[in-house]
């Protein structure tokens, strides 16, 4: 997933990341309204500050 892809997106509250995604770049979900994110086991890399300042309370 690209750098800062969902940064400051406060409208969406949940996301299921597809299994074809291998990398989640830095700050992808920074300052978001996401409360639930499902990350498949196929993700090999999660960058820095990915969930910083988010409202995340459930990660699977």
N, C-alpha and C. Protein backbone atom coordinates (compact mmCIF):
# COMPACT_ATOMS: atom_id res chain seq x y z
N UNK A 1 0.85 -1.16 0.00
CA UNK A 1 0.00 0.00 0.00
C UNK A 1 0.90 1.23 0.00
N UNK A 2 0.58 2.23 -0.81
CA UNK A 2 1.43 3.40 -0.96
C UNK A 2 1.57 4.23 0.32
N UNK A 3 2.67 4.94 0.38
CA UNK A 3 3.00 5.87 1.47
C UNK A 3 1.85 6.86 1.67
N UNK A 4 1.38 6.98 2.90
CA UNK A 4 0.32 7.91 3.30
C UNK A 4 -1.00 7.74 2.53
N UNK A 5 -1.28 6.54 2.05
CA UNK A 5 -2.46 6.29 1.21
C UNK A 5 -3.77 6.77 1.83
N UNK A 6 -3.99 6.46 3.11
CA UNK A 6 -5.23 6.84 3.78
C UNK A 6 -5.02 7.95 4.80
N UNK A 7 -3.88 8.61 4.79
CA UNK A 7 -3.56 9.63 5.79
C UNK A 7 -4.67 10.69 5.88
N UNK A 8 -5.09 10.96 7.09
CA UNK A 8 -6.13 11.95 7.42
C UNK A 8 -7.52 11.60 6.90
N UNK A 9 -7.74 10.35 6.53
CA UNK A 9 -9.07 9.90 6.10
C UNK A 9 -9.86 9.53 7.35
N UNK A 10 -10.78 10.38 7.73
CA UNK A 10 -11.52 10.17 8.98
C UNK A 10 -12.92 9.62 8.75
N UNK A 11 -13.33 9.48 7.49
CA UNK A 11 -14.68 9.04 7.17
C UNK A 11 -14.81 7.51 7.24
N UNK A 12 -13.82 6.80 6.73
CA UNK A 12 -13.86 5.33 6.74
C UNK A 12 -13.54 4.82 8.14
N UNK A 13 -14.22 3.76 8.56
CA UNK A 13 -13.99 3.24 9.92
C UNK A 13 -13.43 1.83 9.95
N UNK A 14 -13.46 1.10 8.83
CA UNK A 14 -12.88 -0.25 8.82
C UNK A 14 -12.37 -0.58 7.44
N UNK A 15 -11.42 -1.51 7.40
CA UNK A 15 -10.85 -1.94 6.13
C UNK A 15 -10.37 -3.38 6.27
N UNK A 16 -10.55 -4.15 5.21
CA UNK A 16 -9.99 -5.49 5.11
C UNK A 16 -8.97 -5.42 3.98
N UNK A 17 -7.72 -5.61 4.31
CA UNK A 17 -6.67 -5.50 3.31
C UNK A 17 -6.63 -6.80 2.50
N UNK A 18 -6.65 -6.70 1.18
CA UNK A 18 -6.64 -7.90 0.32
C UNK A 18 -5.37 -8.73 0.49
N UNK A 19 -5.47 -10.01 0.22
CA UNK A 19 -4.34 -10.91 0.39
C UNK A 19 -3.22 -10.69 -0.61
N UNK A 20 -3.47 -9.95 -1.68
CA UNK A 20 -2.40 -9.71 -2.65
C UNK A 20 -1.47 -8.57 -2.22
N UNK A 21 -1.78 -7.89 -1.13
CA UNK A 21 -0.93 -6.81 -0.60
C UNK A 21 0.21 -7.43 0.21
N UNK A 22 1.44 -7.06 -0.13
CA UNK A 22 2.62 -7.60 0.56
C UNK A 22 3.27 -6.58 1.50
N UNK A 23 3.07 -5.28 1.21
CA UNK A 23 3.71 -4.23 2.00
C UNK A 23 2.71 -3.14 2.38
N UNK A 24 2.82 -2.66 3.60
CA UNK A 24 2.08 -1.49 4.04
C UNK A 24 3.13 -0.43 4.36
N UNK A 25 3.17 0.61 3.54
CA UNK A 25 4.22 1.63 3.64
C UNK A 25 4.03 2.53 4.86
N UNK A 26 5.06 3.31 5.15
CA UNK A 26 5.06 4.24 6.27
C UNK A 26 3.83 5.15 6.23
N UNK A 27 3.26 5.38 7.40
CA UNK A 27 2.19 6.36 7.62
C UNK A 27 0.91 6.11 6.81
N UNK A 28 0.70 4.89 6.36
CA UNK A 28 -0.47 4.58 5.53
C UNK A 28 -1.78 4.94 6.20
N UNK A 29 -1.91 4.68 7.50
CA UNK A 29 -3.16 4.94 8.21
C UNK A 29 -3.01 6.05 9.26
N UNK A 30 -2.05 6.92 9.08
CA UNK A 30 -1.76 8.00 10.02
C UNK A 30 -2.96 8.96 10.12
N UNK A 31 -3.38 9.26 11.34
CA UNK A 31 -4.46 10.21 11.64
C UNK A 31 -5.74 9.83 10.88
N UNK A 32 -6.19 8.60 11.07
CA UNK A 32 -7.40 8.13 10.39
C UNK A 32 -8.51 7.83 11.37
N UNK A 33 -9.70 7.60 10.83
CA UNK A 33 -10.86 7.23 11.64
C UNK A 33 -11.06 5.73 11.70
N UNK A 34 -10.14 4.96 11.12
CA UNK A 34 -10.27 3.50 11.14
C UNK A 34 -10.29 2.99 12.57
N UNK A 35 -11.27 2.18 12.88
CA UNK A 35 -11.37 1.55 14.20
C UNK A 35 -11.02 0.07 14.12
N UNK A 36 -11.14 -0.51 12.92
CA UNK A 36 -10.88 -1.92 12.72
C UNK A 36 -10.14 -2.13 11.41
N UNK A 37 -9.03 -2.86 11.48
CA UNK A 37 -8.25 -3.17 10.29
C UNK A 37 -7.90 -4.66 10.33
N UNK A 38 -8.16 -5.35 9.23
CA UNK A 38 -7.81 -6.77 9.10
C UNK A 38 -6.62 -6.86 8.15
N UNK A 39 -5.51 -7.38 8.66
CA UNK A 39 -4.29 -7.52 7.87
C UNK A 39 -4.03 -9.01 7.66
N UNK A 40 -3.97 -9.46 6.40
CA UNK A 40 -3.75 -10.88 6.14
C UNK A 40 -2.31 -11.30 6.45
N UNK A 41 -2.11 -12.58 6.65
CA UNK A 41 -0.79 -13.12 6.95
C UNK A 41 0.17 -12.94 5.78
N UNK A 42 -0.33 -12.64 4.61
CA UNK A 42 0.51 -12.45 3.42
C UNK A 42 1.30 -11.14 3.45
N UNK A 43 0.95 -10.22 4.34
CA UNK A 43 1.68 -8.95 4.46
C UNK A 43 3.05 -9.25 5.09
N UNK A 44 4.11 -8.89 4.36
CA UNK A 44 5.47 -9.19 4.78
C UNK A 44 6.17 -8.01 5.47
N UNK A 45 5.66 -6.80 5.25
CA UNK A 45 6.32 -5.61 5.80
C UNK A 45 5.28 -4.58 6.22
N UNK A 46 5.43 -4.04 7.41
CA UNK A 46 4.60 -2.93 7.89
C UNK A 46 5.56 -1.82 8.29
N UNK A 47 5.43 -0.67 7.64
CA UNK A 47 6.34 0.46 7.85
C UNK A 47 6.19 1.13 9.20
N UNK A 48 6.84 2.27 9.33
CA UNK A 48 6.82 3.04 10.58
C UNK A 48 5.63 3.99 10.61
N UNK A 49 5.19 4.29 11.79
CA UNK A 49 4.07 5.23 12.04
C UNK A 49 2.81 4.87 11.24
N UNK A 50 2.62 3.62 10.94
CA UNK A 50 1.48 3.19 10.14
C UNK A 50 0.15 3.53 10.81
N UNK A 51 0.05 3.34 12.12
CA UNK A 51 -1.20 3.57 12.84
C UNK A 51 -1.14 4.77 13.80
N UNK A 52 -0.11 5.58 13.72
CA UNK A 52 0.06 6.71 14.64
C UNK A 52 -1.13 7.66 14.58
N UNK A 53 -1.57 8.10 15.73
CA UNK A 53 -2.68 9.05 15.87
C UNK A 53 -3.98 8.59 15.21
N UNK A 54 -4.16 7.29 15.13
CA UNK A 54 -5.42 6.77 14.58
C UNK A 54 -6.35 6.38 15.72
N UNK A 55 -7.60 6.10 15.39
CA UNK A 55 -8.57 5.69 16.39
C UNK A 55 -8.71 4.17 16.46
N UNK A 56 -7.70 3.49 15.97
CA UNK A 56 -7.71 2.03 15.88
C UNK A 56 -7.88 1.38 17.25
N UNK A 57 -8.86 0.47 17.35
CA UNK A 57 -9.03 -0.28 18.58
C UNK A 57 -9.14 -1.79 18.32
N UNK A 58 -9.09 -2.18 17.04
CA UNK A 58 -9.13 -3.61 16.72
C UNK A 58 -8.25 -3.89 15.50
N UNK A 59 -7.29 -4.79 15.69
CA UNK A 59 -6.39 -5.18 14.63
C UNK A 59 -6.36 -6.69 14.56
N UNK A 60 -6.67 -7.21 13.41
CA UNK A 60 -6.68 -8.67 13.23
C UNK A 60 -5.70 -9.07 12.17
